[in-house]
Amino acid sequence: SMNQGYCRLVAKYKSGKSEKYWDSHLDKIQLKRNNQMRDAINKAARFLVNRCLNDGIGNLVFGWNEGQKSLSNMGKKGNQQFVPIPTKRLIERLKQLCPEYGINLIVTEESYTSKASFLDGDSLPKHGAKPSGWIPSGKRVRRGLYRTASGKLINADLNGAANILRKVTTQPIDLAKVGSGILTVPHRYNLFTNLSKLYRHKGEAVRVYPTA
């Protein structure tokens, strides 16, 4: 909603003006949005690190396709929400934080992870290397909902996340406990209203300081 509101304000103010038009008022709008986004990135990174520490997680896997935003075509509303999100900046922040707490950050490409069925064990081709005739066992029936080959309905985002983990199965990651129950209801957090400052900072006690 942060990005959508920013894009809507800019579009409204620039209505009837040239595409390259910019002024001090737009500078203020952009500065406010950039400050909010920087705050959100820091809070998100801190939350992920603390969640790993609280649950004894040593590997954090992040799916990322370089250049994916420039190729996005999700409609006007979808592009407003997705394209301006600085995902790479979040990855860079995690690269700074994770080593300080002994967490192994793994960044992997995520081609076909949203289309393939995790529970059916579909193969996961790399981008540009899809075998001829490759067809996923399941199907995304609507936003947020994925149907497997057997008809089980699971959360589409969790199906994609589980498949991203499969992309790095050569790493020491145990997926044996990931079943249909876990993939049904995701937890959702609001970085600005649901996460206390205490929670975001309590991982400081286990920071790993490098020796000289």
C-alpha atoms as a PDB file:
ATOM      1  CA  SER A   1       0.000   0.000   0.000  1.00  0.00           C
ATOM      2  CA  MET A   2       2.986   2.298   0.615  1.00  0.00           C
ATOM      3  CA  ASN A   3       4.158   2.027  -2.980  1.00  0.00           C
ATOM      4  CA  GLN A   4       0.671   2.157  -4.416  1.00  0.00           C
ATOM      5  CA  GLY A   5      -0.088   5.363  -2.529  1.00  0.00           C
ATOM      6  CA  TYR A   6       3.186   6.932  -3.677  1.00  0.00           C
ATOM      7  CA  CYS A   7       2.590   6.005  -7.317  1.00  0.00           C
ATOM      8  CA  ARG A   8      -0.980   7.287  -7.150  1.00  0.00           C
ATOM      9  CA  LEU A   9       0.106  10.645  -5.700  1.00  0.00           C
ATOM     10  CA  VAL A  10       2.814  11.122  -8.330  1.00  0.00           C
ATOM     11  CA  ALA A  11       0.476  10.144 -11.165  1.00  0.00           C
ATOM     12  CA  LYS A  12      -2.232  12.519  -9.901  1.00  0.00           C
ATOM     13  CA  TYR A  13       0.159  15.461  -9.521  1.00  0.00           C
ATOM     14  CA  LYS A  14       1.724  14.879 -12.956  1.00  0.00           C
ATOM     15  CA  SER A  15      -1.630  14.494 -14.692  1.00  0.00           C
ATOM     16  CA  GLY A  16      -1.716  16.689 -17.791  1.00  0.00           C
ATOM     17  CA  LYS A  17       2.016  17.420 -17.583  1.00  0.00           C
ATOM     18  CA  SER A  18       4.887  15.994 -19.602  1.00  0.00           C
ATOM     19  CA  GLU A  19       6.290  12.588 -18.664  1.00  0.00           C
ATOM     20  CA  LYS A  20       9.605  14.141 -17.564  1.00  0.00           C
ATOM     21  CA  TYR A  21       7.980  16.853 -15.408  1.00  0.00           C
ATOM     22  CA  TRP A  22       9.346  17.096 -11.845  1.00  0.00           C
ATOM     23  CA  ASP A  23       9.356  19.824  -9.175  1.00  0.00           C
ATOM     24  CA  SER A  24      10.053  20.450  -5.473  1.00  0.00           C
ATOM     25  CA  HIS A  25       6.648  19.123  -4.396  1.00  0.00           C
ATOM     26  CA  LEU A  26       7.364  15.807  -6.087  1.00  0.00           C
ATOM     27  CA  ASP A  27      10.787  15.824  -4.421  1.00  0.00           C
ATOM     28  CA  LYS A  28       9.073  15.982  -1.014  1.00  0.00           C
ATOM     29  CA  ILE A  29       6.725  13.133  -1.910  1.00  0.00           C
ATOM     30  CA  GLN A  30       9.648  11.012  -3.079  1.00  0.00           C
ATOM     31  CA  LEU A  31      11.759  11.813  -0.008  1.00  0.00           C
ATOM     32  CA  LYS A  32       8.938  10.754   2.322  1.00  0.00           C
ATOM     33  CA  ARG A  33       8.456   7.509   0.425  1.00  0.00           C
ATOM     34  CA  ASN A  34      12.208   6.784   0.393  1.00  0.00           C
ATOM     35  CA  ASN A  35      12.449   7.338   4.159  1.00  0.00           C
ATOM     36  CA  GLN A  36       9.473   5.050   4.760  1.00  0.00           C
ATOM     37  CA  MET A  37      10.969   2.382   2.510  1.00  0.00           C
ATOM     38  CA  ARG A  38      14.366   2.585   4.219  1.00  0.00           C
ATOM     39  CA  ASP A  39      12.655   2.156   7.577  1.00  0.00           C
ATOM     40  CA  ALA A  40      10.643  -0.803   6.268  1.00  0.00           C
ATOM     41  CA  ILE A  41      13.766  -2.510   4.890  1.00  0.00           C
ATOM     42  CA  ASN A  42      15.604  -2.184   8.199  1.00  0.00           C
ATOM     43  CA  LYS A  43      12.605  -3.476  10.149  1.00  0.00           C
ATOM     44  CA  ALA A  44      12.031  -6.381   7.755  1.00  0.00           C
ATOM     45  CA  ALA A  45      15.679  -7.439   7.853  1.00  0.00           C
ATOM     46  CA  ARG A  46      15.775  -7.208  11.637  1.00  0.00           C
ATOM     47  CA  PHE A  47      12.544  -9.188  11.939  1.00  0.00           C
ATOM     48  CA  LEU A  48      13.840 -11.988   9.686  1.00  0.00           C
ATOM     49  CA  VAL A  49      17.117 -12.240  11.580  1.00  0.00           C
ATOM     50  CA  ASN A  50      15.372 -12.297  14.969  1.00  0.00           C
ATOM     51  CA  ARG A  51      12.880 -14.897  13.744  1.00  0.00           C
ATOM     52  CA  CYS A  52      15.787 -17.121  12.703  1.00  0.00           C
ATOM     53  CA  LEU A  53      17.431 -16.660  16.105  1.00  0.00           C
ATOM     54  CA  ASN A  54      14.231 -17.327  18.061  1.00  0.00           C
ATOM     55  CA  ASP A  55      13.422 -20.516  16.111  1.00  0.00           C
ATOM     56  CA  GLY A  56      16.965 -21.859  15.856  1.00  0.00           C
ATOM     57  CA  ILE A  57      17.144 -21.384  12.077  1.00  0.00           C
ATOM     58  CA  GLY A  58      20.660 -21.357  10.663  1.00  0.00           C
ATOM     59  CA  ASN A  59      19.863 -21.018   6.948  1.00  0.00           C
ATOM     60  CA  LEU A  60      17.826 -18.184   5.415  1.00  0.00           C
ATOM     61  CA  VAL A  61      16.899 -18.741   1.758  1.00  0.00           C
ATOM     62  CA  PHE A  62      15.874 -15.780  -0.410  1.00  0.00           C
ATOM     63  CA  GLY A  63      14.438 -16.225  -3.914  1.00  0.00           C
ATOM     64  CA  TRP A  64      15.464 -13.521  -6.362  1.00  0.00           C
ATOM     65  CA  ASN A  65      15.593 -13.228 -10.147  1.00  0.00           C
ATOM     66  CA  GLU A  66      17.869 -10.412 -11.276  1.00  0.00           C
ATOM     67  CA  GLY A  67      15.936  -8.007 -13.492  1.00  0.00           C
ATOM     68  CA  GLN A  68      12.532  -9.501 -12.648  1.00  0.00           C
ATOM     69  CA  LYS A  69      10.944  -6.101 -11.997  1.00  0.00           C
ATOM     70  CA  SER A  70      11.784  -4.701 -15.416  1.00  0.00           C
ATOM     71  CA  LEU A  71       9.896  -7.618 -16.980  1.00  0.00           C
ATOM     72  CA  SER A  72       6.875  -7.468 -14.682  1.00  0.00           C
ATOM     73  CA  ASN A  73       3.429  -7.183 -16.244  1.00  0.00           C
ATOM     74  CA  MET A  74       0.814  -7.571 -13.522  1.00  0.00           C
ATOM     75  CA  GLY A  75      -1.516  -4.795 -14.531  1.00  0.00           C
ATOM     76  CA  LYS A  76      -1.466  -1.164 -13.428  1.00  0.00           C
ATOM     77  CA  LYS A  77      -2.289  -1.848  -9.763  1.00  0.00           C
ATOM     78  CA  GLY A  78       0.024  -4.845  -9.465  1.00  0.00           C
ATOM     79  CA  ASN A  79       2.965  -3.060 -11.048  1.00  0.00           C
ATOM     80  CA  GLN A  80       2.476  -0.062  -8.742  1.00  0.00           C
ATOM     81  CA  GLN A  81       2.777  -2.344  -5.708  1.00  0.00           C
ATOM     82  CA  PHE A  82       5.598  -4.602  -6.911  1.00  0.00           C
ATOM     83  CA  VAL A  83       7.967  -2.751  -9.218  1.00  0.00           C
ATOM     84  CA  PRO A  84       9.064   0.076  -6.848  1.00  0.00           C
ATOM     85  CA  ILE A  85       9.857  -2.318  -3.956  1.00  0.00           C
ATOM     86  CA  PRO A  86      13.670  -2.314  -3.538  1.00  0.00           C
ATOM     87  CA  THR A  87      14.011  -6.064  -2.957  1.00  0.00           C
ATOM     88  CA  LYS A  88      17.705  -6.008  -3.759  1.00  0.00           C
ATOM     89  CA  ARG A  89      18.273  -3.466  -0.980  1.00  0.00           C
ATOM     90  CA  LEU A  90      16.621  -5.861   1.468  1.00  0.00           C
ATOM     91  CA  ILE A  91      18.966  -8.616   0.293  1.00  0.00           C
ATOM     92  CA  GLU A  92      21.976  -6.332   0.750  1.00  0.00           C
ATOM     93  CA  ARG A  93      20.819  -5.448   4.267  1.00  0.00           C
ATOM     94  CA  LEU A  94      20.445  -9.140   5.096  1.00  0.00           C
ATOM     95  CA  LYS A  95      23.943  -9.757   3.735  1.00  0.00           C
ATOM     96  CA  GLN A  96      25.176  -7.259   6.319  1.00  0.00           C
ATOM     97  CA  LEU A  97      23.168  -8.601   9.266  1.00  0.00           C
ATOM     98  CA  CYS A  98      23.186 -12.388   8.810  1.00  0.00           C
ATOM     99  CA  PRO A  99      26.956 -12.946   9.226  1.00  0.00           C
ATOM    100  CA  GLU A 100      26.870 -10.919  12.452  1.00  0.00           C
ATOM    101  CA  TYR A 101      24.524 -13.523  13.958  1.00  0.00           C
ATOM    102  CA  GLY A 102      25.954 -16.678  12.415  1.00  0.00           C
ATOM    103  CA  ILE A 103      23.106 -17.080   9.913  1.00  0.00           C
ATOM    104  CA  ASN A 104      23.833 -18.481   6.450  1.00  0.00           C
ATOM    105  CA  LEU A 105      22.033 -16.377   3.811  1.00  0.00           C
ATOM    106  CA  ILE A 106      21.426 -18.194   0.510  1.00  0.00           C
ATOM    107  CA  VAL A 107      20.139 -16.187  -2.470  1.00  0.00           C
ATOM    108  CA  THR A 108      18.828 -18.344  -5.315  1.00  0.00           C
ATOM    109  CA  GLU A 109      16.981 -17.828  -8.584  1.00  0.00           C
ATOM    110  CA  GLU A 110      13.273 -18.686  -8.329  1.00  0.00           C
ATOM    111  CA  SER A 111      12.231 -19.691 -11.850  1.00  0.00           C
ATOM    112  CA  TYR A 112       9.014 -21.781 -12.025  1.00  0.00           C
ATOM    113  CA  THR A 113       8.655 -21.929  -8.240  1.00  0.00           C
ATOM    114  CA  SER A 114       5.168 -20.415  -8.350  1.00  0.00           C
ATOM    115  CA  LYS A 115       3.988 -22.721 -11.158  1.00  0.00           C
ATOM    116  CA  ALA A 116       5.430 -26.041  -9.966  1.00  0.00           C
ATOM    117  CA  SER A 117       3.685 -28.110  -7.289  1.00  0.00           C
ATOM    118  CA  PHE A 118       5.812 -28.641  -4.183  1.00  0.00           C
ATOM    119  CA  LEU A 119       3.705 -31.502  -2.809  1.00  0.00           C
ATOM    120  CA  ASP A 120       3.803 -33.311  -6.159  1.00  0.00           C
ATOM    121  CA  GLY A 121       7.572 -32.938  -6.421  1.00  0.00           C
ATOM    122  CA  ASP A 122       7.562 -31.185  -9.799  1.00  0.00           C
ATOM    123  CA  SER A 123      10.968 -30.550 -11.325  1.00  0.00           C
ATOM    124  CA  LEU A 124      12.214 -26.958 -11.096  1.00  0.00           C
ATOM    125  CA  PRO A 125      13.981 -25.848 -14.294  1.00  0.00           C
ATOM    126  CA  LYS A 126      16.262 -22.858 -14.307  1.00  0.00           C
ATOM    127  CA  HIS A 127      15.310 -19.768 -16.301  1.00  0.00           C
ATOM    128  CA  GLY A 128      15.725 -20.422 -20.009  1.00  0.00           C
ATOM    129  CA  ALA A 129      16.258 -24.159 -19.477  1.00  0.00           C
ATOM    130  CA  LYS A 130      12.686 -25.488 -19.309  1.00  0.00           C
ATOM    131  CA  PRO A 131      12.528 -28.982 -20.879  1.00  0.00           C
ATOM    132  CA  SER A 132      10.243 -29.452 -23.857  1.00  0.00           C
ATOM    133  CA  GLY A 133       6.814 -30.541 -22.695  1.00  0.00           C
ATOM    134  CA  TRP A 134       7.302 -29.469 -19.069  1.00  0.00           C
ATOM    135  CA  ILE A 135       3.887 -29.051 -17.432  1.00  0.00           C
ATOM    136  CA  PRO A 136       3.263 -28.435 -13.720  1.00  0.00           C
ATOM    137  CA  SER A 137       1.159 -30.983 -11.844  1.00  0.00           C
ATOM    138  CA  GLY A 138      -0.894 -28.329 -10.086  1.00  0.00           C
ATOM    139  CA  LYS A 139      -2.330 -24.944 -10.916  1.00  0.00           C
ATOM    140  CA  ARG A 140      -2.816 -21.548  -9.326  1.00  0.00           C
ATOM    141  CA  VAL A 141      -6.603 -21.198  -9.347  1.00  0.00           C
ATOM    142  CA  ARG A 142      -6.761 -17.642  -8.055  1.00  0.00           C
ATOM    143  CA  ARG A 143      -4.659 -15.114  -6.183  1.00  0.00           C
ATOM    144  CA  GLY A 144      -3.199 -16.777  -3.116  1.00  0.00           C
ATOM    145  CA  LEU A 145      -4.595 -20.254  -3.825  1.00  0.00           C
ATOM    146  CA  TYR A 146      -2.875 -23.243  -5.463  1.00  0.00           C
ATOM    147  CA  ARG A 147      -4.448 -26.621  -6.289  1.00  0.00           C
ATOM    148  CA  THR A 148      -2.218 -29.717  -6.388  1.00  0.00           C
ATOM    149  CA  ALA A 149      -2.648 -32.710  -8.697  1.00  0.00           C
ATOM    150  CA  SER A 150      -4.711 -34.512  -6.037  1.00  0.00           C
ATOM    151  CA  GLY A 151      -6.973 -31.497  -5.569  1.00  0.00           C
ATOM    152  CA  LYS A 152      -5.496 -30.249  -2.294  1.00  0.00           C
ATOM    153  CA  LEU A 153      -5.788 -26.492  -1.880  1.00  0.00           C
ATOM    154  CA  ILE A 154      -2.755 -24.757  -0.377  1.00  0.00           C
ATOM    155  CA  ASN A 155      -1.506 -21.190  -0.153  1.00  0.00           C
ATOM    156  CA  ALA A 156       0.138 -20.181  -3.446  1.00  0.00           C
ATOM    157  CA  ASP A 157       2.839 -18.055  -1.806  1.00  0.00           C
ATOM    158  CA  LEU A 158       3.793 -20.860   0.583  1.00  0.00           C
ATOM    159  CA  ASN A 159       3.916 -23.318  -2.315  1.00  0.00           C
ATOM    160  CA  GLY A 160       6.338 -20.968  -4.067  1.00  0.00           C
ATOM    161  CA  ALA A 161       8.412 -20.478  -0.909  1.00  0.00           C
ATOM    162  CA  ALA A 162       8.720 -24.238  -0.373  1.00  0.00           C
ATOM    163  CA  ASN A 163       9.837 -24.654  -3.978  1.00  0.00           C
ATOM    164  CA  ILE A 164      12.479 -21.965  -3.476  1.00  0.00           C
ATOM    165  CA  LEU A 165      13.849 -24.104  -0.638  1.00  0.00           C
ATOM    166  CA  ARG A 166      13.978 -27.049  -3.048  1.00  0.00           C
ATOM    167  CA  LYS A 167      16.175 -24.962  -5.339  1.00  0.00           C
ATOM    168  CA  VAL A 168      18.931 -25.244  -2.740  1.00  0.00           C
ATOM    169  CA  THR A 169      18.456 -28.842  -1.574  1.00  0.00           C
ATOM    170  CA  THR A 170      22.165 -29.417  -2.152  1.00  0.00           C
ATOM    171  CA  GLN A 171      22.549 -27.290   0.980  1.00  0.00           C
ATOM    172  CA  PRO A 172      21.990 -28.952   4.403  1.00  0.00           C
ATOM    173  CA  ILE A 173      18.271 -28.086   4.616  1.00  0.00           C
ATOM    174  CA  ASP A 174      15.695 -30.645   5.837  1.00  0.00           C
ATOM    175  CA  LEU A 175      12.319 -30.356   4.065  1.00  0.00           C
ATOM    176  CA  ALA A 176      10.827 -33.540   5.535  1.00  0.00           C
ATOM    177  CA  LYS A 177       8.416 -31.641   7.805  1.00  0.00           C
ATOM    178  CA  VAL A 178       7.002 -29.403   5.074  1.00  0.00           C
ATOM    179  CA  GLY A 179       3.537 -30.843   4.406  1.00  0.00           C
ATOM    180  CA  SER A 180       0.095 -29.670   3.288  1.00  0.00           C
ATOM    181  CA  GLY A 181      -0.819 -28.450   6.793  1.00  0.00           C
ATOM    182  CA  ILE A 182       2.135 -26.069   6.953  1.00  0.00           C
ATOM    183  CA  LEU A 183       1.390 -24.816   3.442  1.00  0.00           C
ATOM    184  CA  THR A 184      -2.221 -23.853   4.170  1.00  0.00           C
ATOM    185  CA  VAL A 185      -2.254 -20.738   6.353  1.00  0.00           C
ATOM    186  CA  PRO A 186       0.645 -18.245   6.188  1.00  0.00           C
ATOM    187  CA  HIS A 187       1.517 -15.863   9.010  1.00  0.00           C
ATOM    188  CA  ARG A 188       1.241 -12.215   8.074  1.00  0.00           C
ATOM    189  CA  TYR A 189       3.016  -9.398   9.897  1.00  0.00           C
ATOM    190  CA  ASN A 190       2.714  -5.625   9.684  1.00  0.00           C
ATOM    191  CA  LEU A 191       6.163  -4.131  10.186  1.00  0.00           C
ATOM    192  CA  PHE A 192       4.749  -0.831  11.410  1.00  0.00           C
ATOM    193  CA  THR A 193       1.931  -1.859  13.755  1.00  0.00           C
ATOM    194  CA  ASN A 194       2.406  -5.480  14.858  1.00  0.00           C
ATOM    195  CA  LEU A 195       6.127  -5.634  15.622  1.00  0.00           C
ATOM    196  CA  SER A 196       7.344  -4.019  18.805  1.00  0.00           C
ATOM    197  CA  LYS A 197      10.673  -2.240  19.021  1.00  0.00           C
ATOM    198  CA  LEU A 198      11.686  -4.730  21.716  1.00  0.00           C
ATOM    199  CA  TYR A 199      11.166  -7.680  19.358  1.00  0.00           C
ATOM    200  CA  ARG A 200      13.102  -6.067  16.532  1.00  0.00           C
ATOM    201  CA  HIS A 201      16.106  -5.427  18.773  1.00  0.00           C
ATOM    202  CA  LYS A 202      16.242  -8.391  21.146  1.00  0.00           C
ATOM    203  CA  GLY A 203      18.604 -10.303  18.856  1.00  0.00           C
ATOM    204  CA  GLU A 204      21.384  -7.930  19.892  1.00  0.00           C
ATOM    205  CA  ALA A 205      22.264 -10.240  22.794  1.00  0.00           C
ATOM    206  CA  VAL A 206      23.555 -12.939  20.433  1.00  0.00           C
ATOM    207  CA  ARG A 207      25.413 -10.768  17.941  1.00  0.00           C
ATOM    208  CA  VAL A 208      28.623 -12.413  16.768  1.00  0.00           C
ATOM    209  CA  TYR A 209      31.453  -9.902  16.832  1.00  0.00           C
ATOM    210  CA  PRO A 210      34.370 -10.836  14.551  1.00  0.00           C
ATOM    211  CA  THR A 211      37.735 -11.212  16.226  1.00  0.00           C
ATOM    212  CA  ALA A 212      40.591  -8.976  15.155  1.00  0.00           C
END
